[in-house]
Amino acid sequence: MTHFRTELFIDENPDKIKYNSQILSIGSGFTKALADPLSKYNFNITNNPYGTIYNPISIFNLIEQTTKNGEINEDLITENEGYWNHFNFHPKANFSSKSELINSLQERVETTHEYLKKTDYLIITLGSAFVYKLDSTNKVIANCHRAESNLFTKDLLTPQAIVDGFRRIYSSLNHVKNIILVVSPVQHTRDSLTLNAVSKSVLRLACHMIMSEFAYVKYFPAYEFLLSDLRDYQFYEKDLIHPNELATDYIFKKFVESYLDPSLKDDILCIENLLSETHHAPYNPQSKDYQKSLREAMSRIDGLTEKMDLSELMTDLKSRIA
């Protein structure tokens, strides 16, 4: 049989994620591709408690602050057009006062500190090796928050700098069963495609070096699945940069196959296939064929409710029944 694509196969992870496993996901926006489906099945997962963080050094800094339950560094607070932010964080909400920002961030650190103490799986998604350093401190920051550009210097991390940053926090994560590294396949075209390739290469090499040094660190090849396995613009959004739902569904299924406990894996893959048939409403959502597929999906899912909390899925499907 002739093959028309270079399909990527990966080894199963020996330590499987169970339904009661506690998962923390942190990093770039691509974290949602794995975290949102797990949340849909009501896994115990916290995703990006500090907002979207792209570069590995800022991610490691936040993990270190979380493990130490450290206080907020007020020297890195910035104000722009009446809103307050912090250079080390990317909060999803705007804060109209400095005290409101500090209290919110401190509460988030404390909550995540308690969660991390019981975390079984830590997923770290790296987005870019390009960083911005605050000139006054020469320290890498997570977000410029629209501050004046002359306050920062742009730099490219080396793979060794990323490894050194990870080594600094590793001992505080000894209780975590598995640390899973991911390189985001989202292309950062603002730096140009050529520099994006340089950035992703740095991240990928750093992941390889970290895995070689730390036995309990794994690498999930989301980057390779999109760029080397799928490798077609039909798997991208209209911006031709972000993977579309078809691509993220495929990548999530590969994650399920490799990392989830066998007692859950087959059921979730079955549900994902059922949902893929019902996800987009047809031209006539009241058609007999579409309504039949909805009812079949509900019947199959209803038989799995003893294993997982699928109430949100059932509610969504019921809302589409004519």
Protein backbone atom coordinates (compact mmCIF):
# COMPACT_ATOMS: atom_id res chain seq x y z
CA MET A 1 0.00 0.00 0.00
CA THR A 2 1.30 3.45 -0.93
CA HIS A 3 1.57 5.94 1.93
CA PHE A 4 0.93 9.60 1.24
CA ARG A 5 2.09 11.09 4.52
CA THR A 6 4.82 10.59 7.10
CA GLU A 7 2.73 9.62 10.10
CA LEU A 8 4.31 10.12 13.51
CA PHE A 9 4.09 7.38 16.13
CA ILE A 10 5.29 7.84 19.69
CA ASP A 11 5.84 5.47 22.61
CA GLU A 12 3.24 5.24 25.32
CA ASN A 13 4.15 6.88 28.59
CA PRO A 14 4.55 4.16 31.27
CA ASP A 15 2.93 6.32 33.99
CA LYS A 16 -0.67 6.82 32.95
CA ILE A 17 -2.92 9.73 33.84
CA LYS A 18 -5.86 8.47 35.86
CA TYR A 19 -9.19 10.19 36.38
CA ASN A 20 -8.20 11.27 39.89
CA SER A 21 -4.75 12.53 38.83
CA GLN A 22 -4.04 16.18 39.54
CA ILE A 23 -2.69 18.10 36.54
CA LEU A 24 -1.18 21.57 36.25
CA SER A 25 -0.65 23.05 32.80
CA ILE A 26 1.36 26.22 32.29
CA GLY A 27 2.83 28.08 29.34
CA SER A 28 1.80 29.41 25.94
CA GLY A 29 -1.70 29.66 24.51
CA PHE A 30 -1.40 26.19 23.02
CA THR A 31 -1.88 24.75 26.52
CA LYS A 32 -5.62 25.01 25.79
CA ALA A 33 -5.33 22.32 23.11
CA LEU A 34 -4.68 19.71 25.81
CA ALA A 35 -6.21 21.35 28.87
CA ASP A 36 -9.63 22.27 27.47
CA PRO A 37 -10.55 18.72 26.33
CA LEU A 38 -9.41 17.31 29.68
CA SER A 39 -11.56 19.93 31.42
CA LYS A 40 -14.46 18.89 29.18
CA TYR A 41 -14.21 15.43 30.72
CA ASN A 42 -13.89 17.01 34.18
CA PHE A 43 -10.35 15.89 34.85
CA ASN A 44 -8.72 17.64 37.80
CA ILE A 45 -6.69 20.16 35.80
CA THR A 46 -5.67 23.78 36.33
CA ASN A 47 -4.56 25.59 33.19
CA ASN A 48 -2.40 28.73 33.07
CA PRO A 49 -3.30 30.19 36.48
CA TYR A 50 -1.01 33.15 35.69
CA GLY A 51 -2.23 33.72 32.15
CA THR A 52 -0.45 32.99 28.90
CA ILE A 53 3.34 32.82 29.31
CA TYR A 54 5.46 32.20 26.21
CA ASN A 55 9.12 32.02 27.17
CA PRO A 56 10.62 29.22 29.31
CA ILE A 57 12.53 31.45 31.75
CA SER A 58 9.36 33.30 32.79
CA ILE A 59 7.56 29.97 33.12
CA PHE A 60 10.32 28.61 35.34
CA ASN A 61 10.33 31.82 37.41
CA LEU A 62 6.61 31.47 38.06
CA ILE A 63 6.98 27.80 38.98
CA GLU A 64 9.73 28.76 41.43
CA GLN A 65 7.58 31.50 42.94
CA THR A 66 4.72 29.01 43.23
CA THR A 67 6.78 26.34 44.98
CA LYS A 68 8.07 28.93 47.46
CA ASN A 69 4.69 30.65 47.80
CA GLY A 70 6.67 33.83 47.30
CA GLU A 71 5.46 37.37 47.74
CA ILE A 72 4.71 39.60 44.76
CA ASN A 73 7.67 41.77 43.73
CA GLU A 74 6.14 45.24 43.69
CA ASP A 75 9.12 46.68 41.81
CA LEU A 76 7.85 44.99 38.65
CA ILE A 77 4.37 46.48 38.75
CA THR A 78 3.45 48.76 35.86
CA GLU A 79 0.56 51.12 35.15
CA ASN A 80 -0.78 51.97 31.70
CA GLU A 81 -3.85 54.07 30.94
CA GLY A 82 -5.28 53.55 34.40
CA TYR A 83 -4.74 49.78 34.53
CA TRP A 84 -2.18 48.01 36.68
CA ASN A 85 -0.19 44.94 35.69
CA HIS A 86 2.93 43.00 36.61
CA PHE A 87 5.81 42.26 34.24
CA ASN A 88 6.12 38.65 35.50
CA PHE A 89 2.42 37.81 35.03
CA HIS A 90 -0.23 37.96 32.36
CA PRO A 91 -3.46 38.20 34.34
CA LYS A 92 -6.67 37.77 32.39
CA ALA A 93 -8.39 40.63 34.20
CA ASN A 94 -7.62 44.36 34.29
CA PHE A 95 -7.01 45.96 37.67
CA SER A 96 -7.79 49.58 38.36
CA SER A 97 -5.59 49.85 41.45
CA LYS A 98 -2.18 48.62 42.55
CA SER A 99 -3.51 47.03 45.72
CA GLU A 100 -6.21 45.16 43.81
CA LEU A 101 -3.56 43.74 41.46
CA ILE A 102 -1.24 42.67 44.30
CA ASN A 103 -4.02 41.01 46.27
CA SER A 104 -5.27 39.13 43.22
CA LEU A 105 -1.82 37.91 42.18
CA GLN A 106 -0.88 36.90 45.72
CA GLU A 107 -4.09 34.94 46.09
CA ARG A 108 -3.40 33.21 42.78
CA VAL A 109 0.13 32.27 43.87
CA GLU A 110 -1.14 30.88 47.17
CA THR A 111 -3.92 28.87 45.50
CA THR A 112 -1.56 27.46 42.86
CA HIS A 113 1.04 26.70 45.57
CA GLU A 114 -1.46 24.48 47.37
CA TYR A 115 -2.53 22.86 44.09
CA LEU A 116 1.05 22.21 42.97
CA LYS A 117 1.85 20.42 46.24
CA LYS A 118 -0.56 17.67 45.20
CA THR A 119 0.10 17.79 41.46
CA ASP A 120 0.87 14.49 39.73
CA TYR A 121 1.47 15.79 36.19
CA LEU A 122 2.98 19.12 35.18
CA ILE A 123 2.61 20.09 31.51
CA ILE A 124 4.92 22.91 30.39
CA THR A 125 4.27 24.35 26.93
CA LEU A 126 7.04 26.51 25.50
CA GLY A 127 6.07 29.12 22.91
CA SER A 128 9.14 31.18 22.07
CA ALA A 129 12.85 31.39 22.83
CA PHE A 130 12.79 35.14 22.24
CA VAL A 131 12.55 37.12 25.46
CA TYR A 132 12.37 40.72 26.60
CA LYS A 133 14.61 41.90 29.39
CA LEU A 134 13.76 44.88 31.55
CA ASP A 135 16.78 47.14 31.18
CA SER A 136 16.62 48.43 34.75
CA THR A 137 17.07 44.90 36.14
CA ASN A 138 18.41 42.95 33.13
CA LYS A 139 15.88 40.27 34.05
CA VAL A 140 13.62 38.38 31.66
CA ILE A 141 9.96 39.37 31.94
CA ALA A 142 6.82 37.55 30.88
CA ASN A 143 4.84 40.42 29.36
CA CYS A 144 5.62 44.03 28.43
CA HIS A 145 2.04 45.20 29.09
CA ARG A 146 2.35 47.95 26.44
CA ALA A 147 5.01 49.78 28.39
CA GLU A 148 7.44 52.01 26.46
CA SER A 149 9.62 49.90 24.19
CA ASN A 150 12.78 51.74 25.26
CA LEU A 151 12.47 50.04 28.66
CA PHE A 152 13.30 46.62 27.20
CA THR A 153 15.91 44.74 25.23
CA LYS A 154 14.97 41.77 23.07
CA ASP A 155 17.16 38.69 23.28
CA LEU A 156 17.28 35.08 22.09
CA LEU A 157 17.76 32.42 24.74
CA THR A 158 20.31 29.68 24.26
CA PRO A 159 19.37 26.03 24.80
CA GLN A 160 21.81 25.91 27.72
CA ALA A 161 20.17 28.90 29.41
CA ILE A 162 16.83 27.07 29.23
CA VAL A 163 18.35 23.88 30.64
CA ASP A 164 19.98 25.87 33.45
CA GLY A 165 16.64 27.50 34.23
CA PHE A 166 14.91 24.14 34.43
CA ARG A 167 17.69 22.67 36.55
CA ARG A 168 17.18 25.51 39.05
CA ILE A 169 13.55 24.49 39.73
CA TYR A 170 13.74 20.72 39.28
CA SER A 171 14.56 19.81 42.88
CA SER A 172 11.43 21.61 44.08
CA LEU A 173 9.32 19.41 41.77
CA ASN A 174 10.46 16.00 43.02
CA HIS A 175 6.94 15.16 44.14
CA VAL A 176 5.56 15.45 40.59
CA LYS A 177 5.29 12.02 38.94
CA ASN A 178 5.71 13.32 35.42
CA ILE A 179 6.82 16.58 33.86
CA ILE A 180 5.74 16.80 30.23
CA LEU A 181 7.41 19.32 27.93
CA VAL A 182 5.63 20.58 24.82
CA VAL A 183 6.83 22.95 22.10
CA SER A 184 3.90 24.94 20.78
CA PRO A 185 3.33 24.46 17.04
CA VAL A 186 1.86 27.97 16.78
CA GLN A 187 4.18 30.03 14.60
CA HIS A 188 5.32 33.41 15.93
CA THR A 189 5.38 35.24 12.61
CA ARG A 190 5.89 38.65 14.19
CA ASP A 191 9.56 37.72 14.34
CA SER A 192 9.34 36.41 10.72
CA LEU A 193 9.08 32.77 9.72
CA THR A 194 12.86 32.39 9.54
CA LEU A 195 13.40 33.67 13.09
CA ASN A 196 10.43 31.63 14.28
CA ALA A 197 12.29 28.56 12.97
CA VAL A 198 15.36 29.61 14.96
CA SER A 199 13.26 30.09 18.10
CA LYS A 200 11.49 26.75 17.82
CA SER A 201 14.81 25.01 17.14
CA VAL A 202 16.24 26.43 20.36
CA LEU A 203 13.20 25.24 22.32
CA ARG A 204 13.26 21.79 20.76
CA LEU A 205 16.98 21.29 21.43
CA ALA A 206 16.53 22.49 25.02
CA CYS A 207 13.74 19.94 25.54
CA HIS A 208 16.00 17.20 24.22
CA MET A 209 18.81 18.26 26.54
CA ILE A 210 16.48 18.40 29.55
CA MET A 211 15.09 14.94 28.79
CA SER A 212 18.62 13.58 28.50
CA GLU A 213 19.51 14.90 31.93
CA PHE A 214 16.29 14.27 33.87
CA ALA A 215 14.81 10.79 33.61
CA TYR A 216 11.30 11.73 34.76
CA VAL A 217 10.83 14.43 32.14
CA LYS A 218 8.94 13.48 28.98
CA TYR A 219 8.40 15.26 25.68
CA PHE A 220 5.06 15.28 23.86
CA PRO A 221 5.64 16.14 20.18
CA ALA A 222 2.70 18.45 19.45
CA TYR A 223 5.05 20.56 17.32
CA GLU A 224 6.03 17.59 15.19
CA PHE A 225 2.46 16.34 14.88
CA LEU A 226 1.37 19.57 13.21
CA LEU A 227 4.44 20.44 11.17
CA SER A 228 5.70 16.98 10.18
CA ASP A 229 2.73 14.63 10.45
CA LEU A 230 -0.29 16.70 9.37
CA ARG A 231 1.77 19.18 7.34
CA ASP A 232 -0.99 20.85 5.33
CA TYR A 233 -2.77 24.21 5.44
CA GLN A 234 -6.12 22.48 5.79
CA PHE A 235 -5.14 22.02 9.44
CA TYR A 236 -4.75 25.76 10.10
CA GLU A 237 -7.11 28.59 10.93
CA LYS A 238 -7.71 31.32 8.37
CA ASP A 239 -4.70 33.21 9.71
CA LEU A 240 -2.54 30.27 8.50
CA ILE A 241 -0.70 30.39 11.84
CA HIS A 242 -2.85 28.72 14.48
CA PRO A 243 -3.86 25.05 14.26
CA ASN A 244 -7.57 24.64 13.69
CA GLU A 245 -9.98 22.38 15.55
CA LEU A 246 -9.32 19.45 13.25
CA ALA A 247 -5.61 19.64 14.07
CA THR A 248 -6.00 20.16 17.83
CA ASP A 249 -8.49 17.27 18.00
CA TYR A 250 -5.94 15.03 16.27
CA ILE A 251 -3.15 16.12 18.61
CA PHE A 252 -5.34 15.63 21.68
CA LYS A 253 -6.23 12.10 20.56
CA LYS A 254 -2.52 11.32 20.23
CA PHE A 255 -2.02 12.59 23.77
CA VAL A 256 -4.86 10.38 25.00
CA GLU A 257 -3.36 7.33 23.26
CA SER A 258 0.03 7.87 24.88
CA TYR A 259 -0.72 9.24 28.34
CA LEU A 260 -4.16 8.22 29.57
CA ASP A 261 -4.95 5.15 31.61
CA PRO A 262 -6.27 2.24 29.49
CA SER A 263 -9.52 2.22 31.48
CA LEU A 264 -10.23 5.73 30.12
CA LYS A 265 -8.36 5.86 26.83
CA ASP A 266 -10.68 3.81 24.64
CA ASP A 267 -13.80 5.49 26.02
CA ILE A 268 -12.49 9.00 25.50
CA LEU A 269 -11.31 8.20 21.97
CA CYS A 270 -14.74 6.75 21.24
CA ILE A 271 -16.46 9.87 22.56
CA GLU A 272 -14.10 12.14 20.64
CA ASN A 273 -14.97 10.31 17.42
CA LEU A 274 -18.67 10.63 18.20
CA LEU A 275 -18.32 14.31 18.95
CA SER A 276 -16.40 14.95 15.75
CA GLU A 277 -19.51 13.80 13.88
CA THR A 278 -21.82 16.10 15.82
CA HIS A 279 -19.63 19.09 16.58
CA HIS A 280 -20.66 21.29 13.68
CA ALA A 281 -24.36 21.67 13.10
CA PRO A 282 -25.38 20.93 9.52
CA TYR A 283 -27.33 23.28 7.28
CA ASN A 284 -30.49 21.82 8.80
CA PRO A 285 -29.80 20.95 12.47
CA GLN A 286 -33.26 19.34 12.67
CA SER A 287 -32.54 16.83 9.93
CA LYS A 288 -33.23 13.19 10.77
CA ASP A 289 -29.64 12.10 10.19
CA TYR A 290 -28.17 14.80 12.44
CA GLN A 291 -30.72 14.22 15.19
CA LYS A 292 -30.05 10.48 14.98
CA SER A 293 -26.30 11.05 15.39
CA LEU A 294 -26.96 13.23 18.45
CA ARG A 295 -29.11 10.58 20.09
CA GLU A 296 -26.58 7.85 19.34
CA ALA A 297 -23.82 9.94 20.87
CA MET A 298 -25.92 10.62 23.98
CA SER A 299 -26.72 6.94 24.37
CA ARG A 300 -23.06 5.94 24.14
CA ILE A 301 -21.92 8.68 26.49
CA ASP A 302 -24.66 7.91 29.01
CA GLY A 303 -23.22 4.43 29.39
CA LEU A 304 -19.86 5.87 30.52
CA THR A 305 -21.06 8.21 33.24
CA GLU A 306 -19.97 5.82 35.99
CA LYS A 307 -16.32 6.32 34.98
CA MET A 308 -16.35 10.06 34.32
CA ASP A 309 -18.41 13.15 35.01
CA LEU A 310 -19.87 13.79 31.56
CA SER A 311 -22.73 16.04 32.63
CA GLU A 312 -21.52 19.05 30.65
CA LEU A 313 -21.25 17.00 27.47
CA MET A 314 -24.72 15.57 27.96
CA THR A 315 -26.18 19.02 28.59
CA ASP A 316 -24.60 20.36 25.40
CA LEU A 317 -25.94 17.47 23.31
CA LYS A 318 -29.41 17.69 24.86
CA SER A 319 -29.57 21.36 23.92
CA ARG A 320 -29.28 20.36 20.27
CA ILE A 321 -32.08 17.81 20.32
CA ALA A 322 -35.07 19.14 18.39
